[in-house]
N, C-alpha and C. Protein backbone atom coordinates (compact mmCIF):
# COMPACT_ATOMS: atom_id res chain seq x y z
N MET A 1 -3.10 126.86 -87.61
CA MET A 1 -2.16 126.38 -88.60
C MET A 1 -2.90 126.18 -89.91
N THR A 2 -2.35 126.64 -91.01
CA THR A 2 -2.96 126.48 -92.32
C THR A 2 -2.23 125.40 -93.08
N VAL A 3 -2.98 124.47 -93.63
CA VAL A 3 -2.40 123.40 -94.43
C VAL A 3 -3.11 123.34 -95.76
N ARG A 4 -2.45 122.81 -96.74
CA ARG A 4 -3.06 122.60 -98.06
C ARG A 4 -3.37 121.11 -98.16
N PRO A 5 -4.58 120.73 -98.53
CA PRO A 5 -4.90 119.31 -98.61
C PRO A 5 -4.05 118.63 -99.68
N PRO A 6 -3.26 117.61 -99.31
CA PRO A 6 -2.35 116.99 -100.25
C PRO A 6 -3.04 116.03 -101.23
N ASP A 7 -4.22 115.55 -100.91
CA ASP A 7 -4.84 114.50 -101.70
C ASP A 7 -5.80 115.02 -102.77
N GLY A 8 -5.86 116.29 -102.97
CA GLY A 8 -6.77 116.85 -103.95
C GLY A 8 -7.46 118.05 -103.35
N PRO A 9 -8.20 118.78 -104.17
CA PRO A 9 -8.80 120.01 -103.67
C PRO A 9 -9.88 119.81 -102.63
N PHE A 10 -10.49 118.62 -102.59
CA PHE A 10 -11.60 118.42 -101.67
C PHE A 10 -11.42 117.23 -100.74
N VAL A 11 -10.28 116.55 -100.80
CA VAL A 11 -10.00 115.40 -99.94
C VAL A 11 -8.88 115.78 -98.98
N VAL A 12 -9.15 115.61 -97.69
CA VAL A 12 -8.19 116.03 -96.67
C VAL A 12 -7.94 114.87 -95.72
N ASN A 13 -6.66 114.52 -95.53
CA ASN A 13 -6.30 113.50 -94.54
C ASN A 13 -6.25 114.18 -93.19
N VAL A 14 -7.01 113.65 -92.22
CA VAL A 14 -7.12 114.26 -90.90
C VAL A 14 -6.57 113.36 -89.80
N ALA A 15 -5.75 112.37 -90.17
CA ALA A 15 -5.18 111.47 -89.16
C ALA A 15 -4.37 112.25 -88.13
N GLY A 16 -3.58 113.21 -88.58
CA GLY A 16 -2.79 114.04 -87.65
C GLY A 16 -3.67 114.86 -86.73
N LEU A 17 -4.74 115.38 -87.25
CA LEU A 17 -5.66 116.17 -86.44
C LEU A 17 -6.37 115.28 -85.41
N LEU A 18 -6.72 114.06 -85.80
CA LEU A 18 -7.36 113.13 -84.87
C LEU A 18 -6.40 112.73 -83.74
N ALA A 19 -5.10 112.74 -84.03
CA ALA A 19 -4.11 112.39 -83.01
C ALA A 19 -3.88 113.56 -82.04
N ASP A 20 -4.22 114.76 -82.43
CA ASP A 20 -4.08 115.92 -81.56
C ASP A 20 -5.19 115.93 -80.51
N GLU A 21 -5.06 116.82 -79.56
CA GLU A 21 -6.06 116.93 -78.50
C GLU A 21 -7.37 117.49 -79.04
N VAL A 22 -8.45 117.21 -78.33
CA VAL A 22 -9.76 117.73 -78.69
C VAL A 22 -9.69 119.26 -78.67
N GLY A 23 -10.22 119.89 -79.69
CA GLY A 23 -10.19 121.34 -79.81
C GLY A 23 -9.12 121.83 -80.77
N ALA A 24 -8.21 120.95 -81.19
CA ALA A 24 -7.18 121.34 -82.15
C ALA A 24 -7.82 121.68 -83.48
N GLU A 25 -7.23 122.63 -84.20
CA GLU A 25 -7.78 123.10 -85.47
C GLU A 25 -6.75 123.06 -86.57
N ARG A 26 -7.24 122.92 -87.79
CA ARG A 26 -6.45 123.08 -89.00
C ARG A 26 -7.32 123.85 -89.98
N GLY A 27 -6.69 124.52 -90.90
CA GLY A 27 -7.44 125.25 -91.91
C GLY A 27 -6.70 125.25 -93.22
N PHE A 28 -7.43 125.45 -94.29
CA PHE A 28 -6.81 125.55 -95.61
C PHE A 28 -7.74 126.32 -96.53
N ASP A 29 -7.15 126.87 -97.57
CA ASP A 29 -7.91 127.61 -98.57
C ASP A 29 -8.18 126.71 -99.77
N ILE A 30 -9.32 126.93 -100.40
CA ILE A 30 -9.68 126.22 -101.62
C ILE A 30 -9.76 127.25 -102.74
N ASP A 31 -9.18 126.89 -103.87
CA ASP A 31 -9.26 127.72 -105.08
C ASP A 31 -9.13 126.77 -106.26
N THR A 32 -10.25 126.19 -106.67
CA THR A 32 -10.21 125.20 -107.73
C THR A 32 -11.40 125.34 -108.67
N PRO A 33 -11.18 125.21 -109.97
CA PRO A 33 -12.28 125.30 -110.92
C PRO A 33 -12.92 123.95 -111.23
N VAL A 34 -12.44 122.88 -110.61
CA VAL A 34 -12.86 121.54 -111.01
C VAL A 34 -13.78 120.90 -109.98
N ILE A 35 -14.96 120.51 -110.41
CA ILE A 35 -15.87 119.70 -109.62
C ILE A 35 -16.91 119.13 -110.58
N ASP A 36 -17.26 117.89 -110.38
CA ASP A 36 -18.30 117.26 -111.20
C ASP A 36 -19.66 117.66 -110.63
N LEU A 37 -20.42 118.40 -111.43
CA LEU A 37 -21.74 118.85 -110.99
C LEU A 37 -22.82 118.04 -111.69
N PRO A 38 -23.95 117.85 -111.02
CA PRO A 38 -25.05 117.10 -111.63
C PRO A 38 -25.81 117.92 -112.66
N ASP A 39 -26.66 117.22 -113.39
CA ASP A 39 -27.58 117.82 -114.35
C ASP A 39 -26.84 118.69 -115.36
N GLU A 40 -27.36 119.86 -115.57
CA GLU A 40 -26.79 120.77 -116.56
C GLU A 40 -26.05 121.93 -115.90
N LEU A 41 -25.63 121.76 -114.66
CA LEU A 41 -24.94 122.83 -113.95
C LEU A 41 -23.50 122.96 -114.43
N ALA A 42 -23.03 124.20 -114.51
CA ALA A 42 -21.65 124.48 -114.90
C ALA A 42 -21.15 125.67 -114.09
N LEU A 43 -19.91 125.59 -113.66
CA LEU A 43 -19.32 126.69 -112.92
C LEU A 43 -18.87 127.79 -113.87
N ALA A 44 -19.08 129.03 -113.49
CA ALA A 44 -18.60 130.18 -114.24
C ALA A 44 -17.35 130.74 -113.60
N GLU A 45 -17.12 130.39 -112.33
CA GLU A 45 -15.94 130.85 -111.58
C GLU A 45 -15.43 129.69 -110.74
N PRO A 46 -14.16 129.72 -110.37
CA PRO A 46 -13.64 128.67 -109.48
C PRO A 46 -14.31 128.71 -108.11
N ILE A 47 -14.23 127.61 -107.42
CA ILE A 47 -14.71 127.54 -106.04
C ILE A 47 -13.58 128.06 -105.17
N ARG A 48 -13.89 129.09 -104.39
CA ARG A 48 -12.87 129.71 -103.53
C ARG A 48 -13.42 129.83 -102.12
N GLY A 49 -12.52 129.75 -101.16
CA GLY A 49 -12.95 129.95 -99.79
C GLY A 49 -11.99 129.32 -98.80
N HIS A 50 -12.45 129.25 -97.56
CA HIS A 50 -11.63 128.73 -96.47
C HIS A 50 -12.38 127.61 -95.75
N VAL A 51 -11.63 126.57 -95.41
CA VAL A 51 -12.18 125.44 -94.67
C VAL A 51 -11.45 125.35 -93.34
N ARG A 52 -12.22 125.24 -92.26
CA ARG A 52 -11.65 125.07 -90.93
C ARG A 52 -12.09 123.71 -90.40
N LEU A 53 -11.13 122.93 -89.92
CA LEU A 53 -11.38 121.60 -89.37
C LEU A 53 -11.08 121.64 -87.88
N VAL A 54 -11.98 121.11 -87.06
CA VAL A 54 -11.80 121.12 -85.61
C VAL A 54 -11.97 119.69 -85.10
N HIS A 55 -10.98 119.21 -84.30
CA HIS A 55 -11.10 117.90 -83.67
C HIS A 55 -12.04 118.05 -82.48
N GLU A 56 -13.15 117.31 -82.54
CA GLU A 56 -14.09 117.33 -81.43
C GLU A 56 -14.11 115.93 -80.82
N ASN A 57 -14.83 115.77 -79.73
CA ASN A 57 -14.78 114.51 -79.00
C ASN A 57 -15.26 113.30 -79.81
N ARG A 58 -16.10 113.49 -80.81
CA ARG A 58 -16.60 112.36 -81.61
C ARG A 58 -15.91 112.21 -82.96
N GLY A 59 -15.35 113.27 -83.49
CA GLY A 59 -14.77 113.21 -84.83
C GLY A 59 -14.21 114.55 -85.24
N ILE A 60 -14.52 114.96 -86.47
CA ILE A 60 -14.02 116.21 -87.02
C ILE A 60 -15.21 117.08 -87.43
N PHE A 61 -15.17 118.33 -86.99
CA PHE A 61 -16.19 119.30 -87.37
C PHE A 61 -15.63 120.15 -88.50
N VAL A 62 -16.38 120.29 -89.58
CA VAL A 62 -15.97 121.07 -90.74
C VAL A 62 -16.80 122.34 -90.78
N ASP A 63 -16.12 123.47 -90.88
CA ASP A 63 -16.78 124.77 -91.02
C ASP A 63 -16.15 125.44 -92.24
N ALA A 64 -16.92 125.62 -93.30
CA ALA A 64 -16.38 126.17 -94.54
C ALA A 64 -17.30 127.22 -95.11
N ILE A 65 -16.69 128.28 -95.64
CA ILE A 65 -17.41 129.29 -96.40
C ILE A 65 -16.75 129.36 -97.77
N LEU A 66 -17.53 129.02 -98.80
CA LEU A 66 -17.01 128.96 -100.15
C LEU A 66 -17.88 129.81 -101.07
N THR A 67 -17.27 130.36 -102.11
CA THR A 67 -18.02 131.13 -103.10
C THR A 67 -17.68 130.63 -104.49
N THR A 68 -18.62 130.78 -105.39
CA THR A 68 -18.44 130.47 -106.80
C THR A 68 -19.55 131.17 -107.57
N ALA A 69 -19.68 130.87 -108.83
CA ALA A 69 -20.80 131.37 -109.64
C ALA A 69 -21.19 130.29 -110.63
N LEU A 70 -22.47 130.17 -110.87
CA LEU A 70 -22.98 129.21 -111.84
C LEU A 70 -23.23 129.90 -113.17
N ALA A 71 -22.86 129.23 -114.25
CA ALA A 71 -23.16 129.72 -115.59
C ALA A 71 -24.56 129.27 -115.96
N GLY A 72 -25.30 130.13 -116.60
CA GLY A 72 -26.66 129.77 -116.99
C GLY A 72 -27.23 130.79 -117.94
N GLU A 73 -28.55 130.82 -118.00
CA GLU A 73 -29.22 131.79 -118.84
C GLU A 73 -30.46 132.30 -118.13
N CYS A 74 -30.82 133.51 -118.46
CA CYS A 74 -32.00 134.14 -117.88
C CYS A 74 -33.24 133.32 -118.27
N SER A 75 -34.10 133.08 -117.31
CA SER A 75 -35.28 132.27 -117.58
C SER A 75 -36.34 133.01 -118.40
N ARG A 76 -36.20 134.33 -118.55
CA ARG A 76 -37.18 135.10 -119.35
C ARG A 76 -36.66 135.44 -120.74
N CYS A 77 -35.41 135.92 -120.83
CA CYS A 77 -34.92 136.39 -122.14
C CYS A 77 -33.83 135.50 -122.72
N LEU A 78 -33.40 134.50 -121.99
CA LEU A 78 -32.41 133.51 -122.43
C LEU A 78 -31.01 134.07 -122.66
N ARG A 79 -30.74 135.26 -122.13
CA ARG A 79 -29.38 135.79 -122.21
C ARG A 79 -28.49 135.04 -121.24
N PRO A 80 -27.20 134.88 -121.58
CA PRO A 80 -26.29 134.23 -120.63
C PRO A 80 -26.13 135.06 -119.36
N LEU A 81 -25.96 134.38 -118.24
CA LEU A 81 -25.75 135.09 -116.99
C LEU A 81 -24.92 134.23 -116.04
N GLN A 82 -24.41 134.88 -115.02
CA GLN A 82 -23.69 134.20 -113.95
C GLN A 82 -24.44 134.47 -112.65
N THR A 83 -24.69 133.40 -111.91
CA THR A 83 -25.39 133.52 -110.64
C THR A 83 -24.39 133.28 -109.52
N PRO A 84 -24.09 134.30 -108.70
CA PRO A 84 -23.17 134.10 -107.58
C PRO A 84 -23.76 133.13 -106.57
N VAL A 85 -22.90 132.28 -106.01
CA VAL A 85 -23.33 131.28 -105.04
C VAL A 85 -22.37 131.33 -103.84
N GLU A 86 -22.94 131.42 -102.64
CA GLU A 86 -22.14 131.32 -101.42
C GLU A 86 -22.59 130.07 -100.67
N ILE A 87 -21.64 129.26 -100.29
CA ILE A 87 -21.92 127.99 -99.63
C ILE A 87 -21.37 128.05 -98.22
N ARG A 88 -22.18 127.61 -97.27
CA ARG A 88 -21.73 127.50 -95.88
C ARG A 88 -21.90 126.04 -95.47
N LEU A 89 -20.80 125.36 -95.22
CA LEU A 89 -20.84 123.97 -94.75
C LEU A 89 -20.52 123.96 -93.26
N ARG A 90 -21.33 123.30 -92.51
CA ARG A 90 -21.10 123.08 -91.08
C ARG A 90 -21.53 121.65 -90.80
N GLU A 91 -20.56 120.74 -90.87
CA GLU A 91 -20.88 119.33 -90.78
C GLU A 91 -19.90 118.59 -89.88
N GLU A 92 -20.38 117.50 -89.30
CA GLU A 92 -19.55 116.65 -88.46
C GLU A 92 -19.29 115.35 -89.21
N TYR A 93 -18.01 114.95 -89.23
CA TYR A 93 -17.60 113.69 -89.84
C TYR A 93 -17.12 112.77 -88.72
N LEU A 94 -17.67 111.56 -88.69
CA LEU A 94 -17.32 110.59 -87.67
C LEU A 94 -16.32 109.59 -88.24
N PRO A 95 -15.40 109.08 -87.41
CA PRO A 95 -14.41 108.12 -87.91
C PRO A 95 -15.03 106.78 -88.27
N SER A 96 -14.44 106.12 -89.26
CA SER A 96 -14.84 104.77 -89.64
C SER A 96 -14.00 103.75 -88.90
N LEU A 97 -12.73 104.11 -88.64
CA LEU A 97 -11.79 103.23 -87.94
C LEU A 97 -11.19 103.99 -86.76
N ASP A 98 -10.94 103.26 -85.67
CA ASP A 98 -10.26 103.85 -84.53
C ASP A 98 -8.81 104.13 -84.93
N LEU A 99 -8.32 105.32 -84.67
CA LEU A 99 -6.98 105.72 -85.09
C LEU A 99 -5.91 104.86 -84.42
N ALA A 100 -6.08 104.53 -83.15
CA ALA A 100 -5.06 103.78 -82.42
C ALA A 100 -5.08 102.28 -82.72
N THR A 101 -6.27 101.69 -82.81
CA THR A 101 -6.36 100.23 -82.94
C THR A 101 -6.63 99.78 -84.38
N GLY A 102 -7.20 100.61 -85.20
CA GLY A 102 -7.55 100.22 -86.56
C GLY A 102 -8.85 99.44 -86.64
N ARG A 103 -9.54 99.30 -85.53
CA ARG A 103 -10.81 98.58 -85.50
C ARG A 103 -11.95 99.49 -85.97
N PRO A 104 -12.97 98.88 -86.59
CA PRO A 104 -14.11 99.69 -87.03
C PRO A 104 -14.81 100.37 -85.84
N VAL A 105 -15.24 101.59 -86.08
CA VAL A 105 -16.00 102.35 -85.09
C VAL A 105 -17.44 102.38 -85.58
N THR A 106 -18.36 102.00 -84.70
CA THR A 106 -19.76 101.99 -85.10
C THR A 106 -20.53 103.06 -84.35
N PHE A 107 -21.43 103.67 -85.06
CA PHE A 107 -22.37 104.62 -84.50
C PHE A 107 -23.74 104.14 -84.96
N ASP A 108 -24.20 103.04 -84.35
CA ASP A 108 -25.44 102.41 -84.79
C ASP A 108 -26.64 103.34 -84.73
N ASP A 109 -26.63 104.27 -83.80
CA ASP A 109 -27.77 105.17 -83.66
C ASP A 109 -27.75 106.29 -84.70
N GLU A 110 -26.68 106.38 -85.50
CA GLU A 110 -26.56 107.42 -86.54
C GLU A 110 -26.09 106.79 -87.86
N PRO A 111 -26.92 105.98 -88.51
CA PRO A 111 -26.47 105.33 -89.74
C PRO A 111 -26.24 106.28 -90.92
N ASP A 112 -26.85 107.47 -90.88
CA ASP A 112 -26.71 108.42 -91.99
C ASP A 112 -25.65 109.48 -91.75
N ALA A 113 -24.88 109.34 -90.67
CA ALA A 113 -23.85 110.34 -90.35
C ALA A 113 -22.76 110.32 -91.41
N LEU A 114 -22.18 111.48 -91.66
CA LEU A 114 -21.05 111.57 -92.58
C LEU A 114 -19.85 110.88 -91.95
N ARG A 115 -19.07 110.16 -92.76
CA ARG A 115 -17.97 109.36 -92.23
C ARG A 115 -16.65 109.73 -92.89
N LEU A 116 -15.59 109.57 -92.12
CA LEU A 116 -14.24 109.63 -92.66
C LEU A 116 -14.01 108.34 -93.43
N THR A 117 -13.10 108.37 -94.40
CA THR A 117 -12.78 107.14 -95.12
C THR A 117 -11.94 106.23 -94.22
N ASP A 118 -11.65 105.03 -94.68
CA ASP A 118 -10.81 104.11 -93.92
C ASP A 118 -9.37 104.60 -93.81
N HIS A 119 -9.02 105.63 -94.57
CA HIS A 119 -7.68 106.23 -94.51
C HIS A 119 -7.69 107.54 -93.72
N HIS A 120 -8.74 107.76 -92.94
CA HIS A 120 -8.90 108.95 -92.11
C HIS A 120 -8.91 110.23 -92.95
N GLU A 121 -9.68 110.19 -94.03
CA GLU A 121 -9.80 111.33 -94.92
C GLU A 121 -11.24 111.84 -94.93
N ILE A 122 -11.35 113.13 -95.14
CA ILE A 122 -12.66 113.76 -95.35
C ILE A 122 -12.74 114.08 -96.83
N ASP A 123 -13.80 113.65 -97.47
CA ASP A 123 -14.05 114.01 -98.86
C ASP A 123 -15.18 115.04 -98.86
N LEU A 124 -14.83 116.29 -99.10
CA LEU A 124 -15.80 117.39 -99.08
C LEU A 124 -16.59 117.52 -100.38
N GLU A 125 -16.13 116.87 -101.44
CA GLU A 125 -16.76 117.08 -102.74
C GLU A 125 -18.25 116.77 -102.76
N PRO A 126 -18.73 115.64 -102.20
CA PRO A 126 -20.18 115.41 -102.23
C PRO A 126 -20.98 116.51 -101.51
N SER A 127 -20.48 116.99 -100.39
CA SER A 127 -21.19 118.05 -99.66
C SER A 127 -21.19 119.36 -100.44
N ILE A 128 -20.06 119.68 -101.07
CA ILE A 128 -19.97 120.90 -101.87
C ILE A 128 -20.88 120.81 -103.09
N ARG A 129 -20.85 119.65 -103.75
CA ARG A 129 -21.70 119.44 -104.92
C ARG A 129 -23.18 119.60 -104.55
N ASP A 130 -23.58 118.99 -103.44
CA ASP A 130 -24.98 119.09 -103.00
C ASP A 130 -25.36 120.53 -102.67
N ALA A 131 -24.46 121.24 -102.00
CA ALA A 131 -24.75 122.63 -101.63
C ALA A 131 -24.88 123.52 -102.86
N ILE A 132 -24.04 123.29 -103.87
CA ILE A 132 -24.15 124.07 -105.11
C ILE A 132 -25.46 123.76 -105.82
N SER A 133 -25.83 122.48 -105.86
CA SER A 133 -27.09 122.09 -106.50
C SER A 133 -28.28 122.73 -105.81
N LEU A 134 -28.26 122.77 -104.48
CA LEU A 134 -29.36 123.38 -103.74
C LEU A 134 -29.40 124.90 -103.89
N ALA A 135 -28.25 125.50 -104.16
CA ALA A 135 -28.19 126.95 -104.30
C ALA A 135 -28.60 127.43 -105.69
N GLU A 136 -28.75 126.49 -106.64
CA GLU A 136 -29.13 126.88 -107.99
C GLU A 136 -30.52 127.52 -107.96
N PRO A 137 -30.66 128.72 -108.50
CA PRO A 137 -31.99 129.35 -108.50
C PRO A 137 -32.94 128.62 -109.45
N ILE A 138 -34.21 128.61 -109.09
CA ILE A 138 -35.21 127.93 -109.90
C ILE A 138 -35.41 128.66 -111.23
N ALA A 139 -35.51 129.96 -111.18
CA ALA A 139 -35.73 130.76 -112.39
C ALA A 139 -34.82 131.98 -112.33
N PRO A 140 -33.53 131.83 -112.70
CA PRO A 140 -32.62 132.97 -112.62
C PRO A 140 -32.97 134.06 -113.63
N LEU A 141 -32.75 135.30 -113.21
CA LEU A 141 -33.01 136.46 -114.07
C LEU A 141 -31.73 137.26 -114.23
N ASP A 142 -31.53 137.83 -115.44
CA ASP A 142 -30.35 138.67 -115.63
C ASP A 142 -30.51 140.02 -114.94
N ARG A 143 -31.75 140.41 -114.67
CA ARG A 143 -32.06 141.60 -113.88
C ARG A 143 -33.51 141.44 -113.39
N PRO A 144 -33.85 142.07 -112.28
CA PRO A 144 -35.18 141.85 -111.69
C PRO A 144 -36.35 142.22 -112.61
N ASN A 145 -36.18 143.23 -113.44
CA ASN A 145 -37.30 143.67 -114.30
C ASN A 145 -37.14 143.20 -115.74
N CYS A 146 -36.52 142.08 -115.97
CA CYS A 146 -36.33 141.55 -117.33
C CYS A 146 -37.69 141.37 -117.99
N PRO A 147 -37.91 141.99 -119.16
CA PRO A 147 -39.22 141.90 -119.80
C PRO A 147 -39.46 140.58 -120.53
N GLY A 148 -38.42 139.82 -120.81
CA GLY A 148 -38.59 138.54 -121.48
C GLY A 148 -38.54 138.65 -122.98
N LEU A 149 -39.15 137.66 -123.65
CA LEU A 149 -39.12 137.57 -125.10
C LEU A 149 -40.47 137.96 -125.70
N CYS A 150 -40.42 138.48 -126.91
CA CYS A 150 -41.63 138.82 -127.65
C CYS A 150 -42.31 137.51 -128.06
N ILE A 151 -43.61 137.41 -127.84
CA ILE A 151 -44.31 136.17 -128.17
C ILE A 151 -44.51 136.00 -129.68
N VAL A 152 -44.29 137.07 -130.45
CA VAL A 152 -44.48 136.99 -131.89
C VAL A 152 -43.17 136.64 -132.59
N CYS A 153 -42.10 137.42 -132.33
CA CYS A 153 -40.85 137.21 -133.06
C CYS A 153 -39.78 136.48 -132.26
N GLY A 154 -39.95 136.37 -130.93
CA GLY A 154 -38.99 135.64 -130.12
C GLY A 154 -37.75 136.40 -129.72
N LEU A 155 -37.65 137.68 -130.09
CA LEU A 155 -36.50 138.50 -129.71
C LEU A 155 -36.76 139.13 -128.34
N PRO A 156 -35.70 139.48 -127.62
CA PRO A 156 -35.90 140.16 -126.33
C PRO A 156 -36.73 141.42 -126.51
N LEU A 157 -37.68 141.64 -125.60
CA LEU A 157 -38.57 142.79 -125.70
C LEU A 157 -37.85 144.12 -125.55
N ASP A 158 -36.69 144.14 -124.93
CA ASP A 158 -35.97 145.40 -124.77
C ASP A 158 -34.96 145.64 -125.89
N GLU A 159 -35.04 144.85 -126.96
CA GLU A 159 -34.17 145.06 -128.13
C GLU A 159 -35.03 145.25 -129.37
N GLY A 160 -34.73 146.27 -130.12
CA GLY A 160 -35.41 146.48 -131.39
C GLY A 160 -36.85 146.93 -131.24
N VAL A 161 -37.53 147.00 -132.40
CA VAL A 161 -38.92 147.44 -132.46
C VAL A 161 -39.80 146.21 -132.61
N HIS A 162 -40.85 146.16 -131.85
CA HIS A 162 -41.78 145.03 -131.92
C HIS A 162 -43.15 145.52 -132.40
N ASP A 163 -43.16 146.03 -133.63
CA ASP A 163 -44.37 146.54 -134.24
C ASP A 163 -44.87 145.48 -135.21
N HIS A 164 -45.53 144.46 -134.67
CA HIS A 164 -45.97 143.32 -135.46
C HIS A 164 -47.41 143.52 -135.93
N PRO A 165 -47.74 143.01 -137.12
CA PRO A 165 -49.12 143.12 -137.59
C PRO A 165 -50.05 142.33 -136.68
N VAL A 166 -51.27 142.87 -136.56
CA VAL A 166 -52.28 142.22 -135.72
C VAL A 166 -52.91 141.10 -136.53
N ASP A 167 -52.95 139.92 -135.96
CA ASP A 167 -53.57 138.77 -136.63
C ASP A 167 -55.09 138.93 -136.61
N ASP A 168 -55.72 138.23 -137.52
CA ASP A 168 -57.18 138.21 -137.52
C ASP A 168 -57.64 137.54 -136.24
N ILE A 169 -58.71 138.09 -135.68
CA ILE A 169 -59.24 137.57 -134.43
C ILE A 169 -60.37 136.60 -134.74
N ASP A 170 -60.43 135.55 -134.01
CA ASP A 170 -61.51 134.57 -134.12
C ASP A 170 -62.82 135.33 -133.92
N PRO A 171 -63.77 135.18 -134.83
CA PRO A 171 -65.03 135.94 -134.74
C PRO A 171 -65.76 135.73 -133.41
N ARG A 172 -65.58 134.59 -132.79
CA ARG A 172 -66.25 134.34 -131.52
C ARG A 172 -65.68 135.20 -130.40
N LEU A 173 -64.44 135.68 -130.57
CA LEU A 173 -63.79 136.49 -129.55
C LEU A 173 -63.75 137.98 -129.90
N ALA A 174 -64.29 138.35 -131.05
CA ALA A 174 -64.24 139.73 -131.52
C ALA A 174 -64.87 140.71 -130.54
N ALA A 175 -65.88 140.28 -129.81
CA ALA A 175 -66.55 141.17 -128.85
C ALA A 175 -65.62 141.56 -127.71
N LEU A 176 -64.61 140.76 -127.42
CA LEU A 176 -63.67 141.06 -126.33
C LEU A 176 -62.57 142.04 -126.75
N GLN A 177 -62.45 142.30 -128.04
CA GLN A 177 -61.37 143.14 -128.54
C GLN A 177 -61.41 144.55 -127.95
N GLY A 178 -62.56 145.09 -127.74
CA GLY A 178 -62.68 146.44 -127.21
C GLY A 178 -62.72 146.49 -125.69
N PHE A 179 -62.68 145.36 -125.04
CA PHE A 179 -62.76 145.33 -123.57
C PHE A 179 -61.49 145.87 -122.95
N ARG A 180 -61.61 146.76 -122.00
CA ARG A 180 -60.48 147.30 -121.24
C ARG A 180 -60.87 147.29 -119.79
N ALA A 181 -60.08 146.72 -118.95
CA ALA A 181 -60.38 146.67 -117.50
C ALA A 181 -60.14 148.05 -116.91
N THR A 182 -61.00 148.44 -115.99
CA THR A 182 -60.83 149.70 -115.29
C THR A 182 -60.50 149.39 -113.83
N ALA A 183 -60.13 150.41 -113.08
CA ALA A 183 -59.79 150.22 -111.67
C ALA A 183 -61.00 149.73 -110.89
N ASP A 184 -62.20 150.17 -111.27
CA ASP A 184 -63.42 149.70 -110.59
C ASP A 184 -63.67 148.23 -110.84
N ASP A 185 -63.37 147.77 -112.07
CA ASP A 185 -63.58 146.36 -112.43
C ASP A 185 -62.66 145.46 -111.63
N GLU A 186 -61.44 145.89 -111.38
CA GLU A 186 -60.46 145.05 -110.70
C GLU A 186 -60.77 144.90 -109.23
N GLY A 187 -61.46 145.82 -108.63
CA GLY A 187 -61.77 145.74 -107.19
C GLY A 187 -63.00 144.92 -106.88
N ASP A 188 -63.85 144.62 -107.89
CA ASP A 188 -65.08 143.86 -107.65
C ASP A 188 -64.77 142.40 -107.45
N ASP A 189 -65.40 141.82 -106.44
CA ASP A 189 -65.24 140.37 -106.20
C ASP A 189 -66.55 139.69 -106.20
């Protein structure tokens, strides 16, 4: 059965699923451009994908595959780029309150476990936000062989002519000006 989360794009009430038998499933699609991201991250495309919820003996298992793209710039030439991101969430959420009695449920041996809210809701936004942050590349490139920027004029090396005048060399380093490494030199250790 496919349902649309009524409480927002990333908050899902699962009280009905918890009332069903163990093994019952629900699913819904996500297609939203809105999420608060940390640091300087920005989405270039909406977050899209499918979320499957399964009632298991302890709580709710979430299995989601989501895609988006991050807006950024090439770390070598500073051109704008979009980095595709695929997120796979596979997490278990444990109840905070017993559905039948309303009493708190404790899992003392798992203090860091993900929890349902007191209204039997799953909030996927923190998990999605964390997954997007972890998927951010350290040094994104607009293409694998990006030559970067010219150290003299600052323009991309693959644009225009970079025929810059040679600066005067420090007299102490003048002897190195004619040095050229050969294949024999590189193999010596």
